[in-house]
Amino acid sequence: MAAIALGAPPGLPGYKGVSYESNIFAINVGSLESVAGTNERKATIEPNDVKKALDAIAKIGNSYNFVVNASIGSKNTFSGTCDNLNATATQLISTFKYQYKIPVIAGTGHSGSKDSILWPACVSNVVKVIATRKD
């Protein structure tokens, strides 16, 4: 998502991201854990870490012009809204939207599903985005 927003690759001078002069304020909400019995590692994201990141942004409030990219995905897919999955995160997203005027954007999923989306894109106050290919 950051490359789409900020991209200005040196090899493609005519290409610019949709917000190429912006800055990124990154908060890591994941960690890599070893997969037992292999040399592989997998990314894990804990809902409490997401809540801490959202709390940090809420403390800053509307001091800056933020857009929150919450394209982190989940294991479960949803065919409708999922506001009750993590009520605390859902409430923070609503606070961002209505109190701070900060949009929260999330990718709908990377699983190729055509009839479902992942959390947090399934939260009703999240702006849902999807990638598409030229072909």
Protein backbone atom coordinates (compact mmCIF):
# COMPACT_ATOMS: atom_id res chain seq x y z
CA MET A 1 0.00 0.00 0.00
CA ALA A 2 2.82 2.40 0.79
CA ALA A 3 4.31 1.94 -2.67
CA ILE A 4 0.95 2.69 -4.28
CA ALA A 5 0.56 5.85 -2.21
CA LEU A 6 4.12 7.16 -2.21
CA GLY A 7 5.73 5.48 -5.21
CA ALA A 8 8.05 7.50 -7.39
CA PRO A 9 10.46 4.84 -8.70
CA PRO A 10 13.68 6.20 -10.24
CA GLY A 11 13.41 3.85 -13.23
CA LEU A 12 9.89 5.04 -14.07
CA PRO A 13 9.99 8.85 -14.08
CA GLY A 14 6.41 9.18 -15.37
CA TYR A 15 4.96 7.09 -12.54
CA LYS A 16 3.96 8.65 -9.25
CA GLY A 17 1.88 7.28 -6.41
CA VAL A 18 -1.46 8.81 -5.60
CA SER A 19 0.10 10.80 -2.74
CA TYR A 20 3.78 10.77 -3.65
CA GLU A 21 4.78 13.80 -1.55
CA SER A 22 3.34 12.36 1.67
CA ASN A 23 5.16 10.85 4.61
CA ILE A 24 4.69 7.50 6.31
CA PHE A 25 4.30 7.13 10.06
CA ALA A 26 4.71 3.38 10.46
CA ILE A 27 3.66 1.35 13.47
CA ASN A 28 4.59 -2.32 13.52
CA VAL A 29 1.77 -4.51 14.77
CA GLY A 30 3.19 -7.85 13.72
CA SER A 31 6.03 -10.17 14.48
CA LEU A 32 7.74 -13.10 12.79
CA GLU A 33 7.62 -16.41 14.58
CA SER A 34 9.47 -19.60 13.73
CA VAL A 35 7.41 -22.50 12.39
CA ALA A 36 8.26 -25.56 14.49
CA GLY A 37 10.36 -28.17 12.71
CA THR A 38 11.16 -25.93 9.71
CA ASN A 39 13.39 -23.04 8.74
CA GLU A 40 10.32 -20.99 7.89
CA ARG A 41 8.86 -18.06 9.77
CA LYS A 42 5.32 -16.75 9.66
CA ALA A 43 3.89 -13.35 10.40
CA THR A 44 1.49 -13.06 13.30
CA ILE A 45 -0.62 -10.10 14.27
CA GLU A 46 -2.25 -9.87 17.66
CA PRO A 47 -5.49 -7.86 17.97
CA ASN A 48 -4.12 -6.22 21.14
CA ASP A 49 -1.12 -4.92 19.14
CA VAL A 50 -3.53 -3.43 16.59
CA LYS A 51 -5.47 -1.79 19.42
CA LYS A 52 -2.24 -0.31 20.84
CA ALA A 53 -1.35 1.12 17.42
CA LEU A 54 -4.82 2.63 17.02
CA ASP A 55 -4.61 4.05 20.55
CA ALA A 56 -1.27 5.69 19.68
CA ILE A 57 -2.82 7.37 16.64
CA ALA A 58 -5.88 8.43 18.66
CA LYS A 59 -3.60 10.13 21.22
CA ILE A 60 -2.13 12.27 18.43
CA GLY A 61 -5.69 13.08 17.36
CA ASN A 62 -6.18 15.53 14.56
CA SER A 63 -2.81 17.26 14.96
CA TYR A 64 -1.87 15.87 11.53
CA ASN A 65 -3.72 14.91 8.38
CA PHE A 66 -3.68 11.13 8.76
CA VAL A 67 -5.00 8.27 6.73
CA VAL A 68 -4.68 4.94 8.51
CA ASN A 69 -3.82 1.95 6.33
CA ALA A 70 -4.92 -1.13 8.24
CA SER A 71 -4.33 -3.73 5.54
CA ILE A 72 -3.31 -6.51 7.87
CA GLY A 73 -5.81 -9.24 7.08
CA SER A 74 -6.96 -12.17 9.14
CA LYS A 75 -7.49 -15.90 8.79
CA ASN A 76 -11.27 -15.68 8.59
CA THR A 77 -13.26 -14.29 5.70
CA PHE A 78 -16.58 -12.48 5.98
CA SER A 79 -19.41 -11.97 3.51
CA GLY A 80 -20.74 -8.96 5.43
CA THR A 81 -19.74 -6.60 8.21
CA CYS A 82 -17.81 -7.92 11.20
CA ASP A 83 -18.15 -5.06 13.69
CA ASN A 84 -18.53 -7.49 16.62
CA LEU A 85 -15.31 -9.39 15.96
CA ASN A 86 -13.19 -6.81 17.82
CA ALA A 87 -15.55 -4.27 19.37
CA THR A 88 -12.70 -2.14 20.75
CA ALA A 89 -11.02 -1.75 17.35
CA THR A 90 -14.41 -1.09 15.74
CA GLN A 91 -15.08 1.69 18.24
CA LEU A 92 -11.64 3.25 17.65
CA ILE A 93 -12.22 3.18 13.89
CA SER A 94 -15.55 4.98 14.42
CA THR A 95 -13.80 7.54 16.63
CA PHE A 96 -11.22 8.15 13.92
CA LYS A 97 -13.91 8.65 11.31
CA TYR A 98 -16.34 10.83 13.22
CA GLN A 99 -14.29 12.62 15.88
CA TYR A 100 -10.89 13.03 14.24
CA LYS A 101 -11.98 12.87 10.57
CA ILE A 102 -9.26 10.25 9.95
CA PRO A 103 -10.21 7.63 7.37
CA VAL A 104 -9.18 4.03 7.99
CA ILE A 105 -8.45 2.12 4.79
CA ALA A 106 -7.94 -1.63 4.51
CA GLY A 107 -7.32 -4.08 1.71
CA THR A 108 -10.19 -6.49 1.29
CA GLY A 109 -7.94 -9.53 1.19
CA HIS A 110 -5.18 -11.23 -0.66
CA SER A 111 -6.71 -14.67 -0.91
CA GLY A 112 -8.31 -14.25 -4.33
CA SER A 113 -11.79 -14.61 -2.90
CA LYS A 114 -14.51 -13.03 -5.01
CA ASP A 115 -17.29 -13.14 -2.41
CA SER A 116 -15.71 -12.33 0.96
CA ILE A 117 -13.33 -9.93 2.67
CA LEU A 118 -10.94 -10.05 5.61
CA TRP A 119 -10.85 -8.20 8.94
CA PRO A 120 -10.48 -5.22 9.35
CA ALA A 121 -11.85 -4.39 5.87
CA CYS A 122 -15.16 -5.94 6.94
CA VAL A 123 -15.65 -3.29 9.66
CA SER A 124 -18.46 -1.01 8.51
CA ASN A 125 -16.56 2.31 8.94
CA VAL A 126 -13.46 1.14 7.04
CA VAL A 127 -12.87 2.24 3.45
CA LYS A 128 -12.42 -1.00 1.51
CA VAL A 129 -9.82 -1.16 -1.26
CA ILE A 130 -8.81 -3.87 -3.65
CA ALA A 131 -5.93 -4.26 -6.02
CA THR A 132 -6.44 -5.03 -9.67
CA ARG A 133 -4.14 -6.01 -12.47
CA LYS A 134 -3.90 -4.51 -15.91
CA ASP A 135 -4.60 -7.88 -17.54
